[in-house]
Amino acid sequence: MFIPPIIADTNIFVAAGFNRRSSSRRIIDALDEGRLLQVWNDRTRKETLTVVEKIPPLDEDFTDSLFRQQGYYPGPTAPHLFDIIDDESDRKFAALANACGVILITNDSDFLQVRDLLDITVLKPSEFVTGRDI
């Protein structure tokens, strides 16, 4: 069975933790249940875990189980190709999406403002879940 791969930006995890009825939560639940596959590398996982662990209402296990080994991407990425994204720390997510050819899901305005100029697909959580059985 094909499991659709995605990259959920850190803010999706945070939003899901605070609003259990949000599109972000539906995405995280689908990751947890194995209906979606989070694509990640060491840099994106580290950032997500670092941010989530600083927010008391979010449980550490909330993210650990979502970074499955089958979604790990060990190959090279090129964050420098995404200078158009103002926040340098966000570029690693765009570079990973580019290297893997998967959708990046985010609420981050740094991505959303320039998404039409990127060679990757960037969607808001609500846009991603619309029309999908998630």
Protein backbone atom coordinates (compact mmCIF):
# COMPACT_ATOMS: atom_id res chain seq x y z
CA MET A 1 0.00 0.00 0.00
CA PHE A 2 1.32 3.43 -0.97
CA ILE A 3 1.66 5.87 1.93
CA PRO A 4 1.82 9.48 0.69
CA PRO A 5 5.01 11.25 1.80
CA ILE A 6 4.92 14.83 3.06
CA ILE A 7 7.09 17.27 4.97
CA ALA A 8 5.27 18.90 7.86
CA ASP A 9 7.01 22.08 8.93
CA THR A 10 7.62 22.54 12.66
CA ASN A 11 4.66 24.91 12.99
CA ILE A 12 2.29 22.09 11.98
CA PHE A 13 3.35 20.08 15.03
CA VAL A 14 2.91 23.12 17.27
CA ALA A 15 -0.51 24.00 15.85
CA ALA A 16 -1.67 20.40 16.19
CA GLY A 17 -0.67 20.36 19.84
CA PHE A 18 -2.71 23.44 20.66
CA ASN A 19 -5.80 22.83 18.52
CA ARG A 20 -7.03 19.27 18.37
CA ARG A 21 -9.70 20.15 15.77
CA SER A 22 -7.34 21.84 13.31
CA SER A 23 -6.21 20.69 9.89
CA SER A 24 -2.72 20.51 11.38
CA ARG A 25 -3.96 17.98 13.94
CA ARG A 26 -5.60 15.89 11.22
CA ILE A 27 -2.24 15.75 9.42
CA ILE A 28 -0.35 14.78 12.57
CA ASP A 29 -2.95 12.11 13.39
CA ALA A 30 -2.58 10.72 9.85
CA LEU A 31 1.21 10.61 10.34
CA ASP A 32 0.79 8.87 13.68
CA GLU A 33 -1.61 6.31 12.21
CA GLY A 34 0.66 5.62 9.23
CA ARG A 35 -1.69 7.09 6.61
CA LEU A 36 0.95 9.71 5.75
CA LEU A 37 4.73 9.46 5.94
CA GLN A 38 6.81 12.33 7.33
CA VAL A 39 9.97 12.77 5.24
CA TRP A 40 12.80 14.09 7.38
CA ASN A 41 16.52 14.41 7.75
CA ASP A 42 18.66 15.04 10.79
CA ARG A 43 18.41 18.84 10.53
CA THR A 44 14.62 19.03 10.12
CA ARG A 45 13.98 16.50 12.89
CA LYS A 46 16.32 18.30 15.27
CA GLU A 47 14.61 21.64 14.70
CA THR A 48 11.14 20.19 15.17
CA LEU A 49 12.05 18.35 18.37
CA THR A 50 13.91 21.37 19.78
CA VAL A 51 10.91 23.66 19.27
CA VAL A 52 8.27 21.19 20.43
CA GLU A 53 10.18 20.27 23.59
CA LYS A 54 10.15 23.96 24.67
CA ILE A 55 6.35 24.05 24.71
CA PRO A 56 4.99 22.50 27.92
CA PRO A 57 1.58 21.37 26.58
CA LEU A 58 3.28 19.27 23.90
CA ASP A 59 4.38 15.79 24.81
CA GLU A 60 7.83 14.63 23.69
CA ASP A 61 6.30 11.37 22.38
CA PHE A 62 4.05 13.48 20.20
CA THR A 63 6.86 13.88 17.68
CA ASP A 64 9.18 10.95 18.32
CA SER A 65 6.74 8.37 16.95
CA LEU A 66 6.13 10.44 13.82
CA PHE A 67 9.68 10.35 12.51
CA ARG A 68 9.64 6.80 11.14
CA GLN A 69 12.83 5.36 9.74
CA GLN A 70 11.24 4.75 6.33
CA GLY A 71 10.82 8.53 5.95
CA TYR A 72 14.47 9.31 6.65
CA TYR A 73 16.33 11.00 3.79
CA PRO A 74 20.12 10.75 4.20
CA GLY A 75 21.04 12.40 0.92
CA PRO A 76 22.28 15.89 0.15
CA THR A 77 20.05 18.95 0.10
CA ALA A 78 20.76 22.48 -1.08
CA PRO A 79 19.33 25.11 1.29
CA HIS A 80 21.35 27.82 -0.47
CA LEU A 81 19.07 27.45 -3.49
CA PHE A 82 16.21 28.90 -1.42
CA ASP A 83 17.63 32.34 -0.58
CA ILE A 84 14.24 33.81 -1.48
CA ILE A 85 12.93 32.50 1.85
CA ASP A 86 13.73 35.20 4.40
CA ASP A 87 14.22 32.95 7.42
CA GLU A 88 17.43 31.03 6.84
CA SER A 89 16.39 28.31 9.30
CA ASP A 90 13.33 27.53 7.12
CA ARG A 91 15.40 26.85 4.02
CA LYS A 92 16.31 23.34 5.15
CA PHE A 93 12.65 22.29 4.86
CA ALA A 94 12.37 23.68 1.33
CA ALA A 95 15.64 22.01 0.34
CA LEU A 96 14.44 18.67 1.68
CA ALA A 97 11.12 18.99 -0.15
CA ASN A 98 13.04 19.78 -3.32
CA ALA A 99 15.46 16.88 -2.93
CA CYS A 100 12.64 14.40 -2.28
CA GLY A 101 9.97 15.85 -4.56
CA VAL A 102 7.32 15.95 -1.83
CA ILE A 103 4.79 18.53 -0.65
CA LEU A 104 5.79 20.89 2.15
CA ILE A 105 2.93 21.72 4.51
CA THR A 106 3.30 24.90 6.54
CA ASN A 107 1.58 27.88 8.13
CA ASP A 108 4.78 29.93 7.86
CA SER A 109 4.35 33.22 6.01
CA ASP A 110 8.01 33.11 4.91
CA PHE A 111 7.09 30.13 2.72
CA LEU A 112 3.58 31.16 1.80
CA GLN A 113 4.59 34.61 0.55
CA VAL A 114 6.98 33.16 -2.02
CA ARG A 115 5.48 29.75 -2.74
CA ASP A 116 4.59 30.66 -6.33
CA LEU A 117 8.27 31.37 -6.96
CA LEU A 118 9.54 28.05 -5.57
CA ASP A 119 10.14 24.83 -7.46
CA ILE A 120 8.32 22.89 -4.74
CA THR A 121 4.69 22.55 -3.75
CA VAL A 122 3.89 24.45 -0.56
CA LEU A 123 0.43 24.11 0.96
CA LYS A 124 -1.33 25.33 4.08
CA PRO A 125 -2.70 22.50 6.22
CA SER A 126 -6.29 23.36 5.26
CA GLU A 127 -5.37 23.26 1.57
CA PHE A 128 -3.72 19.87 2.00
CA VAL A 129 -6.61 18.19 3.84
CA THR A 130 -9.34 19.57 1.56
CA GLY A 131 -10.56 16.78 -0.67
CA ARG A 132 -8.38 14.15 1.04
CA ASP A 133 -9.48 11.40 3.37
CA ILE A 134 -7.42 12.62 6.28
